[in-house]
Amino acid sequence: MELAVMSSVVGTLSGSATETPPFPWGHTPEEEYYASKNITHQSEFTKFPRGVSLFTQSWVPSNRPPKALILMVHGYGNDSSWVFQNTAILFTEMGYAAFALDLYGHGRSEGLLGYIPGVDNLVEDCAFYFNSVKNRAAYQNLPRFLYGESLGGALCLLLHFENPTGYDGAILMAPMCKISEKMVPPWPVEYALRFIARWAPTLPVVPTTDLVDKSVKDPAKRILAKNNPHRYAGKPRLGTVIELLRVTASLEEKLKDVSLPFIVLHGNADVVTEPAVSTFLYETAKSEDKTLRIYEGMLHSLIQGEPDENVAIILNDISSWLDERVQCKSPPEEDSAS
């Protein structure tokens, strides 16, 4: 896929900073917009085995069979729509079928917005939905790749540990394998927060600035991200922070056990998650197929937050990595002379 085409959606993110459009791409109605991109888009609320109702979406090329499945997991406080869906659109334009869900407590899914009582439940939900996609007759023989941003990257690794042979690879965008020390409160404050969280886990009182300000470099894209009607913009809830600290501490110890093919991408100016831990993942993982991309001066939100010229570099790295591995999985073409 040509870079000019790959950047088509990203270019729309740099529009007017004074107007709040109904969609991240502007005012074009959703059905009309997707038709212009040759994309079949579907969304629905799905009842999951543990009894919760979660919002799910899919983006499938309408003009050709998909090359593979991209199973996507968004980050903390975000959702599968708004600017995150622009990434799904990019994958679809590359020829892939993309699927995503709003995590519990996020977006349009059930649960208190911004509250994560247990990461294990999120992993269970993702596994159920992604397995339901993989088992559809039209997709059973397609390669399947995980894609996760920040917390979503950590969830992708946990999904891999739960089912080591269930996925053909993972694209890890600034994965939350460890929360940056710059984001963690001083230990006396953390101790006090842990104590209070026992009785009031949903309190939104953890002191921090808006993550968008720390994550998104491009000013117009920062405004667009803040206009997301479904994002959680409040202070982190006590129980959520304690749970994320617990999970990332545990995950950091398991990085050596990662065995699936992966590409991990991180900006070295990221102050939300630790770029050094992505390097550690690359150096210690037992996977025989692993790729590391550290981008000079880039922040936490890579595809959705960097200037277009940086996004083009990132997309080229992802597209090349995917295409090489999909070609390896594809059956050889028959000799026309035979």
C-alpha atoms as a PDB file:
ATOM      1  CA  MET A   1       0.000   0.000   0.000  1.00  0.00           C
ATOM      2  CA  GLU A   2       1.298   3.437  -0.939  1.00  0.00           C
ATOM      3  CA  LEU A   3       2.153   5.824   1.898  1.00  0.00           C
ATOM      4  CA  ALA A   4      -0.029   8.532   0.370  1.00  0.00           C
ATOM      5  CA  VAL A   5      -3.036   6.260   0.679  1.00  0.00           C
ATOM      6  CA  MET A   6      -2.043   5.063   4.132  1.00  0.00           C
ATOM      7  CA  SER A   7      -1.936   8.674   5.358  1.00  0.00           C
ATOM      8  CA  SER A   8      -5.289   9.677   3.889  1.00  0.00           C
ATOM      9  CA  VAL A   9      -7.228   9.346   7.123  1.00  0.00           C
ATOM     10  CA  VAL A  10      -4.424  10.741   9.261  1.00  0.00           C
ATOM     11  CA  GLY A  11      -4.371  13.894   7.172  1.00  0.00           C
ATOM     12  CA  THR A  12      -7.946  14.677   8.185  1.00  0.00           C
ATOM     13  CA  LEU A  13      -6.886  14.904  11.824  1.00  0.00           C
ATOM     14  CA  SER A  14      -5.079  18.186  11.233  1.00  0.00           C
ATOM     15  CA  GLY A  15      -8.192  20.155  10.340  1.00  0.00           C
ATOM     16  CA  SER A  16      -9.776  23.133  12.048  1.00  0.00           C
ATOM     17  CA  ALA A  17      -8.967  23.493  15.735  1.00  0.00           C
ATOM     18  CA  THR A  18     -11.994  25.761  16.339  1.00  0.00           C
ATOM     19  CA  GLU A  19     -14.757  23.397  15.225  1.00  0.00           C
ATOM     20  CA  THR A  20     -16.042  20.212  16.816  1.00  0.00           C
ATOM     21  CA  PRO A  21     -17.284  17.953  13.996  1.00  0.00           C
ATOM     22  CA  PRO A  22     -19.738  15.121  14.672  1.00  0.00           C
ATOM     23  CA  PHE A  23     -17.153  12.607  13.448  1.00  0.00           C
ATOM     24  CA  PRO A  24     -13.355  12.592  13.695  1.00  0.00           C
ATOM     25  CA  TRP A  25     -13.140  12.849   9.889  1.00  0.00           C
ATOM     26  CA  GLY A  26     -15.520  15.819   9.715  1.00  0.00           C
ATOM     27  CA  HIS A  27     -19.206  16.185   8.811  1.00  0.00           C
ATOM     28  CA  THR A  28     -19.633  13.421   6.222  1.00  0.00           C
ATOM     29  CA  PRO A  29     -22.293  10.945   7.448  1.00  0.00           C
ATOM     30  CA  GLU A  30     -20.817   7.700   8.706  1.00  0.00           C
ATOM     31  CA  GLU A  31     -22.402   5.418   6.099  1.00  0.00           C
ATOM     32  CA  GLU A  32     -21.358   7.697   3.247  1.00  0.00           C
ATOM     33  CA  TYR A  33     -17.829   8.057   4.585  1.00  0.00           C
ATOM     34  CA  TYR A  34     -17.261   4.325   4.915  1.00  0.00           C
ATOM     35  CA  ALA A  35     -18.712   3.690   1.456  1.00  0.00           C
ATOM     36  CA  SER A  36     -16.226   6.187   0.002  1.00  0.00           C
ATOM     37  CA  LYS A  37     -13.416   4.172   1.616  1.00  0.00           C
ATOM     38  CA  ASN A  38     -14.755   0.807   0.357  1.00  0.00           C
ATOM     39  CA  ILE A  39     -15.266  -0.299   3.951  1.00  0.00           C
ATOM     40  CA  THR A  40     -18.107  -2.327   5.420  1.00  0.00           C
ATOM     41  CA  HIS A  41     -18.542  -1.099   8.988  1.00  0.00           C
ATOM     42  CA  GLN A  42     -20.684  -2.810  11.604  1.00  0.00           C
ATOM     43  CA  SER A  43     -21.237  -2.042  15.286  1.00  0.00           C
ATOM     44  CA  GLU A  44     -23.373  -3.604  17.980  1.00  0.00           C
ATOM     45  CA  PHE A  45     -23.714  -4.218  21.689  1.00  0.00           C
ATOM     46  CA  THR A  46     -22.699  -7.782  22.493  1.00  0.00           C
ATOM     47  CA  LYS A  47     -23.587  -9.755  25.626  1.00  0.00           C
ATOM     48  CA  PHE A  48     -20.468 -11.422  27.014  1.00  0.00           C
ATOM     49  CA  PRO A  49     -20.315 -14.666  29.027  1.00  0.00           C
ATOM     50  CA  ARG A  50     -19.726 -12.869  32.342  1.00  0.00           C
ATOM     51  CA  GLY A  51     -22.993 -10.997  31.836  1.00  0.00           C
ATOM     52  CA  VAL A  52     -21.774  -7.585  30.689  1.00  0.00           C
ATOM     53  CA  SER A  53     -22.819  -5.751  27.526  1.00  0.00           C
ATOM     54  CA  LEU A  54     -19.889  -4.350  25.535  1.00  0.00           C
ATOM     55  CA  PHE A  55     -19.769  -2.265  22.368  1.00  0.00           C
ATOM     56  CA  THR A  56     -18.032  -4.011  19.440  1.00  0.00           C
ATOM     57  CA  GLN A  57     -17.093  -2.851  15.942  1.00  0.00           C
ATOM     58  CA  SER A  58     -15.655  -4.185  12.704  1.00  0.00           C
ATOM     59  CA  TRP A  59     -14.155  -2.633   9.583  1.00  0.00           C
ATOM     60  CA  VAL A  60     -13.836  -4.956   6.576  1.00  0.00           C
ATOM     61  CA  PRO A  61     -12.754  -4.137   2.996  1.00  0.00           C
ATOM     62  CA  SER A  62     -15.793  -4.204   0.718  1.00  0.00           C
ATOM     63  CA  ASN A  63     -13.832  -4.362  -2.544  1.00  0.00           C
ATOM     64  CA  ARG A  64     -11.497  -7.329  -1.874  1.00  0.00           C
ATOM     65  CA  PRO A  65     -11.018 -10.267   0.493  1.00  0.00           C
ATOM     66  CA  PRO A  66      -9.069  -9.307   3.635  1.00  0.00           C
ATOM     67  CA  LYS A  67      -5.438 -10.403   3.864  1.00  0.00           C
ATOM     68  CA  ALA A  68      -5.582 -11.008   7.614  1.00  0.00           C
ATOM     69  CA  LEU A  69      -7.378 -10.047  10.817  1.00  0.00           C
ATOM     70  CA  ILE A  70      -6.259  -7.152  13.010  1.00  0.00           C
ATOM     71  CA  LEU A  71      -7.689  -7.597  16.519  1.00  0.00           C
ATOM     72  CA  MET A  72      -7.446  -4.215  18.207  1.00  0.00           C
ATOM     73  CA  VAL A  73      -7.350  -3.109  21.846  1.00  0.00           C
ATOM     74  CA  HIS A  74      -7.498   0.565  22.805  1.00  0.00           C
ATOM     75  CA  GLY A  75      -5.797   2.215  25.766  1.00  0.00           C
ATOM     76  CA  TYR A  76      -6.933   3.429  29.175  1.00  0.00           C
ATOM     77  CA  GLY A  77      -9.599   6.135  29.073  1.00  0.00           C
ATOM     78  CA  ASN A  78     -10.132   5.804  25.325  1.00  0.00           C
ATOM     79  CA  ASP A  79     -12.523   3.760  23.203  1.00  0.00           C
ATOM     80  CA  SER A  80     -12.707   1.989  19.856  1.00  0.00           C
ATOM     81  CA  SER A  81     -14.331   4.953  18.087  1.00  0.00           C
ATOM     82  CA  TRP A  82     -13.290   8.559  17.431  1.00  0.00           C
ATOM     83  CA  VAL A  83      -9.587   8.742  16.510  1.00  0.00           C
ATOM     84  CA  PHE A  84      -8.881   5.090  17.372  1.00  0.00           C
ATOM     85  CA  GLN A  85     -11.192   4.028  14.556  1.00  0.00           C
ATOM     86  CA  ASN A  86      -9.040   6.050  12.161  1.00  0.00           C
ATOM     87  CA  THR A  87      -6.318   3.484  12.810  1.00  0.00           C
ATOM     88  CA  ALA A  88      -8.802   0.705  12.047  1.00  0.00           C
ATOM     89  CA  ILE A  89      -9.659   2.497   8.806  1.00  0.00           C
ATOM     90  CA  LEU A  90      -5.973   2.672   7.909  1.00  0.00           C
ATOM     91  CA  PHE A  91      -5.634  -1.073   8.420  1.00  0.00           C
ATOM     92  CA  THR A  92      -8.700  -1.672   6.259  1.00  0.00           C
ATOM     93  CA  GLU A  93      -7.255   0.484   3.490  1.00  0.00           C
ATOM     94  CA  MET A  94      -4.138  -1.683   3.691  1.00  0.00           C
ATOM     95  CA  GLY A  95      -6.352  -4.695   2.964  1.00  0.00           C
ATOM     96  CA  TYR A  96      -6.904  -6.018   6.482  1.00  0.00           C
ATOM     97  CA  ALA A  97     -10.125  -6.631   8.411  1.00  0.00           C
ATOM     98  CA  ALA A  98     -10.107  -4.850  11.776  1.00  0.00           C
ATOM     99  CA  PHE A  99     -12.126  -5.682  14.892  1.00  0.00           C
ATOM    100  CA  ALA A 100     -12.300  -3.884  18.231  1.00  0.00           C
ATOM    101  CA  LEU A 101     -14.381  -3.507  21.364  1.00  0.00           C
ATOM    102  CA  ASP A 102     -14.834  -0.844  24.002  1.00  0.00           C
ATOM    103  CA  LEU A 103     -13.307  -2.289  27.156  1.00  0.00           C
ATOM    104  CA  TYR A 104     -15.497  -2.602  30.244  1.00  0.00           C
ATOM    105  CA  GLY A 105     -15.762   0.840  31.858  1.00  0.00           C
ATOM    106  CA  HIS A 106     -14.796   2.560  28.621  1.00  0.00           C
ATOM    107  CA  GLY A 107     -16.595   4.206  25.711  1.00  0.00           C
ATOM    108  CA  ARG A 108     -20.101   2.915  25.164  1.00  0.00           C
ATOM    109  CA  SER A 109     -19.610  -0.344  27.038  1.00  0.00           C
ATOM    110  CA  GLU A 110     -21.135  -1.206  30.384  1.00  0.00           C
ATOM    111  CA  GLY A 111     -19.393  -0.161  33.579  1.00  0.00           C
ATOM    112  CA  LEU A 112     -18.454   2.997  35.454  1.00  0.00           C
ATOM    113  CA  LEU A 113     -16.475   5.162  33.043  1.00  0.00           C
ATOM    114  CA  GLY A 114     -12.763   5.017  33.784  1.00  0.00           C
ATOM    115  CA  TYR A 115     -13.009   2.264  36.396  1.00  0.00           C
ATOM    116  CA  ILE A 116     -11.095  -1.008  35.953  1.00  0.00           C
ATOM    117  CA  PRO A 117     -11.850  -3.306  38.906  1.00  0.00           C
ATOM    118  CA  GLY A 118      -9.905  -6.196  37.378  1.00  0.00           C
ATOM    119  CA  VAL A 119      -7.673  -6.478  34.313  1.00  0.00           C
ATOM    120  CA  ASP A 120      -8.262 -10.236  34.186  1.00  0.00           C
ATOM    121  CA  ASN A 121     -11.877  -9.534  33.230  1.00  0.00           C
ATOM    122  CA  LEU A 122     -10.722  -7.311  30.373  1.00  0.00           C
ATOM    123  CA  VAL A 123      -8.499 -10.110  29.082  1.00  0.00           C
ATOM    124  CA  GLU A 124     -11.413 -12.544  29.321  1.00  0.00           C
ATOM    125  CA  ASP A 125     -13.664 -10.183  27.358  1.00  0.00           C
ATOM    126  CA  CYS A 126     -11.084  -9.609  24.620  1.00  0.00           C
ATOM    127  CA  ALA A 127     -10.364 -13.327  24.319  1.00  0.00           C
ATOM    128  CA  PHE A 128     -14.053 -14.154  23.959  1.00  0.00           C
ATOM    129  CA  TYR A 129     -14.660 -11.518  21.295  1.00  0.00           C
ATOM    130  CA  PHE A 130     -11.509 -12.226  19.305  1.00  0.00           C
ATOM    131  CA  ASN A 131     -12.145 -15.976  19.392  1.00  0.00           C
ATOM    132  CA  SER A 132     -15.670 -15.387  18.103  1.00  0.00           C
ATOM    133  CA  VAL A 133     -14.169 -13.458  15.184  1.00  0.00           C
ATOM    134  CA  LYS A 134     -11.466 -16.037  14.452  1.00  0.00           C
ATOM    135  CA  ASN A 135     -14.032 -18.838  14.417  1.00  0.00           C
ATOM    136  CA  ARG A 136     -16.257 -17.267  11.770  1.00  0.00           C
ATOM    137  CA  ALA A 137     -16.243 -19.372   8.627  1.00  0.00           C
ATOM    138  CA  ALA A 138     -15.037 -16.501   6.435  1.00  0.00           C
ATOM    139  CA  TYR A 139     -12.009 -15.853   8.649  1.00  0.00           C
ATOM    140  CA  GLN A 140     -10.910 -19.248   9.951  1.00  0.00           C
ATOM    141  CA  ASN A 141      -7.971 -19.565   7.562  1.00  0.00           C
ATOM    142  CA  LEU A 142      -6.725 -15.985   7.829  1.00  0.00           C
ATOM    143  CA  PRO A 143      -3.663 -14.919   9.827  1.00  0.00           C
ATOM    144  CA  ARG A 144      -4.622 -13.045  12.965  1.00  0.00           C
ATOM    145  CA  PHE A 145      -2.617 -10.227  14.545  1.00  0.00           C
ATOM    146  CA  LEU A 146      -3.125  -8.392  17.805  1.00  0.00           C
ATOM    147  CA  TYR A 147      -2.815  -4.606  17.896  1.00  0.00           C
ATOM    148  CA  GLY A 148      -2.712  -2.731  21.178  1.00  0.00           C
ATOM    149  CA  GLU A 149      -2.049   0.831  22.281  1.00  0.00           C
ATOM    150  CA  SER A 150      -0.676   1.551  25.774  1.00  0.00           C
ATOM    151  CA  LEU A 151      -2.868  -0.505  28.154  1.00  0.00           C
ATOM    152  CA  GLY A 152      -4.093  -2.296  25.031  1.00  0.00           C
ATOM    153  CA  GLY A 153      -0.519  -3.397  24.346  1.00  0.00           C
ATOM    154  CA  ALA A 154      -0.292  -4.896  27.825  1.00  0.00           C
ATOM    155  CA  LEU A 155      -3.603  -6.688  27.264  1.00  0.00           C
ATOM    156  CA  CYS A 156      -2.271  -8.104  23.986  1.00  0.00           C
ATOM    157  CA  LEU A 157       0.645  -9.665  25.855  1.00  0.00           C
ATOM    158  CA  LEU A 158      -1.709 -11.077  28.494  1.00  0.00           C
ATOM    159  CA  LEU A 159      -3.877 -12.535  25.710  1.00  0.00           C
ATOM    160  CA  HIS A 160      -0.746 -14.138  24.284  1.00  0.00           C
ATOM    161  CA  PHE A 161       0.170 -15.672  27.645  1.00  0.00           C
ATOM    162  CA  GLU A 162      -3.357 -17.062  27.945  1.00  0.00           C
ATOM    163  CA  ASN A 163      -3.189 -18.599  24.445  1.00  0.00           C
ATOM    164  CA  PRO A 164       0.464 -18.766  23.277  1.00  0.00           C
ATOM    165  CA  THR A 165      -0.347 -20.151  19.813  1.00  0.00           C
ATOM    166  CA  GLY A 166      -3.614 -18.296  19.223  1.00  0.00           C
ATOM    167  CA  TYR A 167      -2.180 -15.343  17.320  1.00  0.00           C
ATOM    168  CA  ASP A 168       0.303 -14.935  14.479  1.00  0.00           C
ATOM    169  CA  GLY A 169       1.852 -11.771  15.839  1.00  0.00           C
ATOM    170  CA  ALA A 170       1.344  -8.549  17.755  1.00  0.00           C
ATOM    171  CA  ILE A 171       1.790  -4.844  17.071  1.00  0.00           C
ATOM    172  CA  LEU A 172       2.537  -3.162  20.390  1.00  0.00           C
ATOM    173  CA  MET A 173       2.223   0.624  20.416  1.00  0.00           C
ATOM    174  CA  ALA A 174       3.931   2.176  23.468  1.00  0.00           C
ATOM    175  CA  PRO A 175       2.724  -0.801  25.537  1.00  0.00           C
ATOM    176  CA  MET A 176       1.964  -0.264  29.204  1.00  0.00           C
ATOM    177  CA  CYS A 177       4.398  -2.889  30.432  1.00  0.00           C
ATOM    178  CA  LYS A 178       5.406  -0.366  33.079  1.00  0.00           C
ATOM    179  CA  ILE A 179       3.903   2.985  33.994  1.00  0.00           C
ATOM    180  CA  SER A 180       6.476   5.748  33.745  1.00  0.00           C
ATOM    181  CA  GLU A 181       7.970   6.794  37.078  1.00  0.00           C
ATOM    182  CA  LYS A 182       7.020  10.344  36.076  1.00  0.00           C
ATOM    183  CA  MET A 183       3.348   9.312  36.275  1.00  0.00           C
ATOM    184  CA  VAL A 184       3.536   7.421  39.595  1.00  0.00           C
ATOM    185  CA  PRO A 185       2.824   9.490  42.747  1.00  0.00           C
ATOM    186  CA  PRO A 186       5.567   9.775  45.415  1.00  0.00           C
ATOM    187  CA  TRP A 187       5.555   6.720  47.673  1.00  0.00           C
ATOM    188  CA  PRO A 188       3.871   8.419  50.688  1.00  0.00           C
ATOM    189  CA  VAL A 189       1.038   9.536  48.408  1.00  0.00           C
ATOM    190  CA  GLU A 190       0.848   6.113  46.750  1.00  0.00           C
ATOM    191  CA  TYR A 191       0.670   4.422  50.168  1.00  0.00           C
ATOM    192  CA  ALA A 192      -2.163   6.719  51.234  1.00  0.00           C
ATOM    193  CA  LEU A 193      -4.010   6.121  47.975  1.00  0.00           C
ATOM    194  CA  ARG A 194      -3.720   2.353  48.365  1.00  0.00           C
ATOM    195  CA  PHE A 195      -5.173   2.623  51.870  1.00  0.00           C
ATOM    196  CA  ILE A 196      -8.124   4.749  50.755  1.00  0.00           C
ATOM    197  CA  ALA A 197      -8.753   2.519  47.719  1.00  0.00           C
ATOM    198  CA  ARG A 198      -9.776  -0.355  49.988  1.00  0.00           C
ATOM    199  CA  TRP A 199     -12.980   1.510  50.860  1.00  0.00           C
ATOM    200  CA  ALA A 200     -13.446   3.892  47.948  1.00  0.00           C
ATOM    201  CA  PRO A 201     -11.931   2.329  44.805  1.00  0.00           C
ATOM    202  CA  THR A 202     -14.025   4.398  42.396  1.00  0.00           C
ATOM    203  CA  LEU A 203     -12.971   7.801  43.744  1.00  0.00           C
ATOM    204  CA  PRO A 204     -11.445   9.906  40.912  1.00  0.00           C
ATOM    205  CA  VAL A 205      -8.782  11.614  43.014  1.00  0.00           C
ATOM    206  CA  VAL A 206      -5.376  10.401  41.813  1.00  0.00           C
ATOM    207  CA  PRO A 207      -3.388  13.574  41.079  1.00  0.00           C
ATOM    208  CA  THR A 208      -2.298  13.840  37.446  1.00  0.00           C
ATOM    209  CA  THR A 209      -2.699  16.131  34.459  1.00  0.00           C
ATOM    210  CA  ASP A 210      -4.798  15.200  31.423  1.00  0.00           C
ATOM    211  CA  LEU A 211      -3.105  12.285  29.640  1.00  0.00           C
ATOM    212  CA  VAL A 212      -3.914  13.821  26.256  1.00  0.00           C
ATOM    213  CA  ASP A 213      -1.640  16.765  27.036  1.00  0.00           C
ATOM    214  CA  LYS A 214       1.206  14.370  27.824  1.00  0.00           C
ATOM    215  CA  SER A 215       0.511  12.029  24.910  1.00  0.00           C
ATOM    216  CA  VAL A 216      -0.380  14.060  21.811  1.00  0.00           C
ATOM    217  CA  LYS A 217       2.222  16.319  20.201  1.00  0.00           C
ATOM    218  CA  ASP A 218       0.290  17.822  17.273  1.00  0.00           C
ATOM    219  CA  PRO A 219      -1.879  20.729  18.568  1.00  0.00           C
ATOM    220  CA  ALA A 220      -4.818  20.104  16.211  1.00  0.00           C
ATOM    221  CA  LYS A 221      -4.820  16.391  16.992  1.00  0.00           C
ATOM    222  CA  ARG A 222      -4.689  17.189  20.706  1.00  0.00           C
ATOM    223  CA  ILE A 223      -7.868  19.241  20.378  1.00  0.00           C
ATOM    224  CA  LEU A 224      -9.531  16.508  18.343  1.00  0.00           C
ATOM    225  CA  ALA A 225      -8.617  13.860  20.940  1.00  0.00           C
ATOM    226  CA  LYS A 226     -10.082  16.001  23.713  1.00  0.00           C
ATOM    227  CA  ASN A 227     -13.316  16.358  21.728  1.00  0.00           C
ATOM    228  CA  ASN A 228     -13.925  12.604  21.902  1.00  0.00           C
ATOM    229  CA  PRO A 229     -17.426  12.378  23.426  1.00  0.00           C
ATOM    230  CA  HIS A 230     -16.766   8.906  24.850  1.00  0.00           C
ATOM    231  CA  ARG A 231     -13.344   9.305  26.457  1.00  0.00           C
ATOM    232  CA  TYR A 232     -12.789   9.392  30.204  1.00  0.00           C
ATOM    233  CA  ALA A 233     -11.389  12.841  30.997  1.00  0.00           C
ATOM    234  CA  GLY A 234     -11.565  12.749  34.791  1.00  0.00           C
ATOM    235  CA  LYS A 235      -8.784  12.057  37.249  1.00  0.00           C
ATOM    236  CA  PRO A 236      -7.811   8.378  37.461  1.00  0.00           C
ATOM    237  CA  ARG A 237      -9.935   6.370  39.886  1.00  0.00           C
ATOM    238  CA  LEU A 238      -8.138   4.890  42.887  1.00  0.00           C
ATOM    239  CA  GLY A 239      -8.984   1.273  42.137  1.00  0.00           C
ATOM    240  CA  THR A 240      -7.982   1.658  38.498  1.00  0.00           C
ATOM    241  CA  VAL A 241      -4.540   3.022  39.339  1.00  0.00           C
ATOM    242  CA  ILE A 242      -3.867   0.337  41.958  1.00  0.00           C
ATOM    243  CA  GLU A 243      -4.918  -2.379  39.504  1.00  0.00           C
ATOM    244  CA  LEU A 244      -2.763  -1.010  36.682  1.00  0.00           C
ATOM    245  CA  LEU A 245       0.262  -0.765  38.978  1.00  0.00           C
ATOM    246  CA  ARG A 246      -0.308  -4.370  40.060  1.00  0.00           C
ATOM    247  CA  VAL A 247      -0.674  -5.709  36.534  1.00  0.00           C
ATOM    248  CA  THR A 248       2.265  -3.831  35.046  1.00  0.00           C
ATOM    249  CA  ALA A 249       4.555  -4.915  37.882  1.00  0.00           C
ATOM    250  CA  SER A 250       3.562  -8.531  37.238  1.00  0.00           C
ATOM    251  CA  LEU A 251       3.819  -8.189  33.469  1.00  0.00           C
ATOM    252  CA  GLU A 252       7.302  -6.709  33.597  1.00  0.00           C
ATOM    253  CA  GLU A 253       8.494  -9.933  35.241  1.00  0.00           C
ATOM    254  CA  LYS A 254       7.013 -12.071  32.432  1.00  0.00           C
ATOM    255  CA  LEU A 255       8.351 -10.255  29.381  1.00  0.00           C
ATOM    256  CA  LYS A 256      11.066 -12.875  28.914  1.00  0.00           C
ATOM    257  CA  ASP A 257       8.322 -15.445  28.234  1.00  0.00           C
ATOM    258  CA  VAL A 258       6.880 -13.647  25.194  1.00  0.00           C
ATOM    259  CA  SER A 259       7.201 -16.053  22.271  1.00  0.00           C
ATOM    260  CA  LEU A 260       4.983 -14.754  19.466  1.00  0.00           C
ATOM    261  CA  PRO A 261       6.281 -12.578  16.612  1.00  0.00           C
ATOM    262  CA  PHE A 262       5.960  -8.915  17.522  1.00  0.00           C
ATOM    263  CA  ILE A 263       6.914  -5.386  16.639  1.00  0.00           C
ATOM    264  CA  VAL A 264       7.074  -2.916  19.513  1.00  0.00           C
ATOM    265  CA  LEU A 265       7.027   0.798  18.704  1.00  0.00           C
ATOM    266  CA  HIS A 266       7.745   3.570  21.210  1.00  0.00           C
ATOM    267  CA  GLY A 267       8.677   7.245  21.247  1.00  0.00           C
ATOM    268  CA  ASN A 268      11.731   8.001  23.341  1.00  0.00           C
ATOM    269  CA  ALA A 269      10.048  11.168  24.671  1.00  0.00           C
ATOM    270  CA  ASP A 270       7.094   9.176  26.069  1.00  0.00           C
ATOM    271  CA  VAL A 271       6.371  10.160  29.696  1.00  0.00           C
ATOM    272  CA  VAL A 272       3.294   7.922  30.130  1.00  0.00           C
ATOM    273  CA  THR A 273       4.837   4.478  29.607  1.00  0.00           C
ATOM    274  CA  GLU A 274       8.503   3.523  29.731  1.00  0.00           C
ATOM    275  CA  PRO A 275      10.365   3.264  26.384  1.00  0.00           C
ATOM    276  CA  ALA A 276      13.178   1.456  28.221  1.00  0.00           C
ATOM    277  CA  VAL A 277      10.793  -1.380  29.072  1.00  0.00           C
ATOM    278  CA  SER A 278       9.936  -1.827  25.385  1.00  0.00           C
ATOM    279  CA  THR A 279      13.664  -2.156  24.741  1.00  0.00           C
ATOM    280  CA  PHE A 280      13.846  -4.654  27.614  1.00  0.00           C
ATOM    281  CA  LEU A 281      10.974  -6.627  26.050  1.00  0.00           C
ATOM    282  CA  TYR A 282      12.829  -6.761  22.747  1.00  0.00           C
ATOM    283  CA  GLU A 283      16.098  -7.824  24.367  1.00  0.00           C
ATOM    284  CA  THR A 284      14.713 -10.500  26.702  1.00  0.00           C
ATOM    285  CA  ALA A 285      11.676 -12.011  24.921  1.00  0.00           C
ATOM    286  CA  LYS A 286      12.316 -15.547  23.714  1.00  0.00           C
ATOM    287  CA  SER A 287      10.491 -14.866  20.451  1.00  0.00           C
ATOM    288  CA  GLU A 288      12.650 -15.618  17.418  1.00  0.00           C
ATOM    289  CA  ASP A 289      10.839 -12.957  15.374  1.00  0.00           C
ATOM    290  CA  LYS A 290      10.922  -9.596  17.124  1.00  0.00           C
ATOM    291  CA  THR A 291      11.328  -6.014  15.953  1.00  0.00           C
ATOM    292  CA  LEU A 292      11.949  -2.805  17.908  1.00  0.00           C
ATOM    293  CA  ARG A 293      11.315   0.740  16.716  1.00  0.00           C
ATOM    294  CA  ILE A 294      12.254   3.629  19.023  1.00  0.00           C
ATOM    295  CA  TYR A 295      11.387   7.015  17.527  1.00  0.00           C
ATOM    296  CA  GLU A 296      13.439  10.065  18.431  1.00  0.00           C
ATOM    297  CA  GLY A 297      11.442  12.838  20.088  1.00  0.00           C
ATOM    298  CA  MET A 298       8.036  11.178  19.708  1.00  0.00           C
ATOM    299  CA  LEU A 299       5.460  11.035  22.509  1.00  0.00           C
ATOM    300  CA  HIS A 300       3.041   8.379  23.744  1.00  0.00           C
ATOM    301  CA  SER A 301       0.314   8.645  21.106  1.00  0.00           C
ATOM    302  CA  LEU A 302       2.118   7.664  17.930  1.00  0.00           C
ATOM    303  CA  ILE A 303      -0.436   7.230  15.126  1.00  0.00           C
ATOM    304  CA  GLN A 304      -3.094   9.498  16.614  1.00  0.00           C
ATOM    305  CA  GLY A 305      -0.902  12.221  18.065  1.00  0.00           C
ATOM    306  CA  GLU A 306       2.264  12.843  16.076  1.00  0.00           C
ATOM    307  CA  PRO A 307       2.624  15.249  13.119  1.00  0.00           C
ATOM    308  CA  ASP A 308       1.723  13.674   9.786  1.00  0.00           C
ATOM    309  CA  GLU A 309       5.335  13.273   8.652  1.00  0.00           C
ATOM    310  CA  ASN A 310       6.074  11.179  11.754  1.00  0.00           C
ATOM    311  CA  VAL A 311       2.880   9.165  11.352  1.00  0.00           C
ATOM    312  CA  ALA A 312       3.902   8.268   7.788  1.00  0.00           C
ATOM    313  CA  ILE A 313       7.159   6.764   9.104  1.00  0.00           C
ATOM    314  CA  ILE A 314       5.324   4.750  11.749  1.00  0.00           C
ATOM    315  CA  LEU A 315       2.695   3.466   9.318  1.00  0.00           C
ATOM    316  CA  ASN A 316       5.360   2.424   6.849  1.00  0.00           C
ATOM    317  CA  ASP A 317       7.094   0.392   9.570  1.00  0.00           C
ATOM    318  CA  ILE A 318       3.830  -1.294  10.568  1.00  0.00           C
ATOM    319  CA  SER A 319       2.691  -1.952   6.997  1.00  0.00           C
ATOM    320  CA  SER A 320       6.037  -3.460   5.994  1.00  0.00           C
ATOM    321  CA  TRP A 321       6.146  -5.653   9.093  1.00  0.00           C
ATOM    322  CA  LEU A 322       2.601  -6.922   8.545  1.00  0.00           C
ATOM    323  CA  ASP A 323       2.953  -7.559   4.820  1.00  0.00           C
ATOM    324  CA  GLU A 324       6.137  -9.587   5.273  1.00  0.00           C
ATOM    325  CA  ARG A 325       4.481 -11.887   7.797  1.00  0.00           C
ATOM    326  CA  VAL A 326       1.219 -12.226   5.909  1.00  0.00           C
ATOM    327  CA  GLN A 327       3.156 -13.280   2.804  1.00  0.00           C
ATOM    328  CA  CYS A 328       4.919 -15.943   4.854  1.00  0.00           C
ATOM    329  CA  LYS A 329       1.533 -17.257   6.005  1.00  0.00           C
ATOM    330  CA  SER A 330      -0.070 -17.208   2.550  1.00  0.00           C
ATOM    331  CA  PRO A 331      -0.128 -20.435   0.509  1.00  0.00           C
ATOM    332  CA  PRO A 332       2.126 -20.382  -2.567  1.00  0.00           C
ATOM    333  CA  GLU A 333       0.446 -19.340  -5.800  1.00  0.00           C
ATOM    334  CA  GLU A 334      -0.088 -22.062  -8.354  1.00  0.00           C
ATOM    335  CA  ASP A 335       2.201 -22.019 -11.379  1.00  0.00           C
ATOM    336  CA  SER A 336       0.072 -20.781 -14.269  1.00  0.00           C
ATOM    337  CA  ALA A 337       2.006 -23.057 -16.630  1.00  0.00           C
ATOM    338  CA  SER A 338       1.107 -26.212 -14.745  1.00  0.00           C
END
